[in-house]
Amino acid sequence: MAAKQEGAANSGTQGTKLKWDDSNMKSSYANVCNVTSTREEVVMLFGVNQAWNRGQKEVTIQLTDRIIISPYAAKRLSMLLQGVVSEYEKRFGTLNVEATSGEAAK
């Protein structure tokens, strides 16, 4: 039986409760994300980079999930992720993404 979580919504509507139903939720692992957009939607492609050996001439990214959201939802997601990363860095130190992305480009 899947767990149900309840919490008060902080969206300006007083008395509204959110009920999180995770009975059909699936979990996926991704170490690669690509994002594109149009005026009406933001498309996020998630997948797995299986380049286990350095110096490969060709790398295949196996795409596993496509998430399509509105630009408004994308902005809210951006704000949520920014907060999560900020809290992470307070606890564990600054993440240096330049070093990682530079290695990935080689």
Protein backbone atom coordinates (compact mmCIF):
# COMPACT_ATOMS: atom_id res chain seq x y z
CA MET A 1 0.00 0.00 0.00
CA ALA A 2 1.43 3.34 -1.04
CA ALA A 3 1.88 6.10 1.50
CA LYS A 4 -0.20 9.24 1.20
CA GLN A 5 1.19 12.57 2.38
CA GLU A 6 -0.91 15.56 3.32
CA GLY A 7 0.23 19.14 3.82
CA ALA A 8 -1.12 22.64 3.83
CA ALA A 9 -0.69 24.42 0.53
CA ASN A 10 1.14 27.71 0.68
CA SER A 11 -0.23 29.05 -2.59
CA GLY A 12 -2.27 31.96 -1.27
CA THR A 13 -5.49 29.93 -1.04
CA GLN A 14 -6.21 29.57 2.66
CA GLY A 15 -7.53 26.22 3.86
CA THR A 16 -6.51 24.28 0.73
CA LYS A 17 -4.73 21.00 1.44
CA LEU A 18 -2.60 19.06 -0.97
CA LYS A 19 -2.86 15.30 -0.94
CA TRP A 20 0.17 13.61 -2.48
CA ASP A 21 -0.85 10.27 -4.04
CA ASP A 22 2.26 8.26 -4.87
CA SER A 23 0.47 4.99 -5.66
CA ASN A 24 1.43 5.18 -9.38
CA MET A 25 4.83 6.80 -8.94
CA LYS A 26 7.91 5.32 -10.57
CA SER A 27 11.53 6.11 -9.88
CA SER A 28 14.15 6.64 -12.55
CA TYR A 29 17.86 7.40 -12.39
CA ALA A 30 19.36 10.01 -14.70
CA ASN A 31 22.83 11.50 -14.92
CA VAL A 32 22.06 13.56 -18.04
CA CYS A 33 19.36 16.16 -18.70
CA ASN A 34 18.68 18.20 -21.82
CA VAL A 35 16.13 21.02 -21.87
CA THR A 36 14.46 22.74 -24.82
CA SER A 37 11.51 25.09 -24.97
CA THR A 38 8.88 26.73 -27.09
CA ARG A 39 6.57 29.59 -26.18
CA GLU A 40 4.03 27.14 -24.69
CA GLU A 41 6.14 24.39 -23.11
CA VAL A 42 9.46 23.33 -21.64
CA VAL A 43 10.64 19.84 -22.55
CA MET A 44 13.13 18.03 -20.31
CA LEU A 45 14.80 14.86 -21.57
CA PHE A 46 16.43 12.65 -18.94
CA GLY A 47 18.77 9.77 -19.59
CA VAL A 48 21.87 7.85 -18.68
CA ASN A 49 25.36 8.48 -20.02
CA GLN A 50 26.93 5.05 -20.21
CA ALA A 51 30.42 6.25 -21.18
CA TRP A 52 32.28 4.26 -18.57
CA ASN A 53 35.60 4.46 -20.44
CA ARG A 54 37.32 7.80 -20.87
CA GLY A 55 38.38 8.86 -24.32
CA GLN A 56 35.58 7.14 -26.23
CA LYS A 57 35.09 8.54 -29.76
CA GLU A 58 31.31 8.21 -29.55
CA VAL A 59 29.06 8.28 -26.50
CA THR A 60 25.46 7.11 -26.54
CA ILE A 61 23.01 8.67 -24.11
CA GLN A 62 20.08 6.35 -23.43
CA LEU A 63 17.05 8.61 -22.98
CA THR A 64 14.56 7.25 -20.46
CA ASP A 65 12.07 10.01 -19.59
CA ARG A 66 10.50 13.08 -21.22
CA ILE A 67 8.84 15.60 -18.93
CA ILE A 68 6.83 18.44 -20.52
CA ILE A 69 5.78 21.40 -18.36
CA SER A 70 4.54 24.95 -18.85
CA PRO A 71 6.98 27.87 -18.63
CA TYR A 72 5.28 28.87 -15.34
CA ALA A 73 5.87 25.42 -13.87
CA ALA A 74 9.45 25.56 -15.17
CA LYS A 75 10.06 28.83 -13.34
CA ARG A 76 8.64 27.39 -10.11
CA LEU A 77 10.80 24.26 -10.58
CA SER A 78 13.85 26.47 -11.14
CA MET A 79 13.16 28.30 -7.88
CA LEU A 80 12.68 25.04 -5.98
CA LEU A 81 15.90 23.55 -7.37
CA GLN A 82 17.83 26.73 -6.62
CA GLY A 83 16.69 26.49 -2.99
CA VAL A 84 17.61 22.81 -2.72
CA VAL A 85 21.08 23.39 -4.18
CA SER A 86 21.62 26.39 -1.90
CA GLU A 87 20.76 24.29 1.17
CA TYR A 88 22.99 21.46 -0.07
CA GLU A 89 25.95 23.83 -0.50
CA LYS A 90 25.42 25.28 2.99
CA ARG A 91 25.69 21.79 4.44
CA PHE A 92 28.31 20.16 2.19
CA GLY A 93 30.21 22.94 0.40
CA THR A 94 30.13 24.62 -2.98
CA LEU A 95 29.52 22.51 -6.06
CA ASN A 96 31.97 23.26 -8.86
CA VAL A 97 30.01 22.50 -12.05
CA GLU A 98 32.58 24.05 -14.43
CA ALA A 99 35.06 21.24 -13.71
CA THR A 100 32.40 18.57 -14.30
CA SER A 101 30.98 20.05 -17.50
CA GLY A 102 34.49 20.57 -18.88
CA GLU A 103 35.28 16.90 -18.40
CA ALA A 104 32.00 15.89 -20.02
CA ALA A 105 32.80 17.97 -23.12
CA LYS A 106 36.13 16.19 -23.72
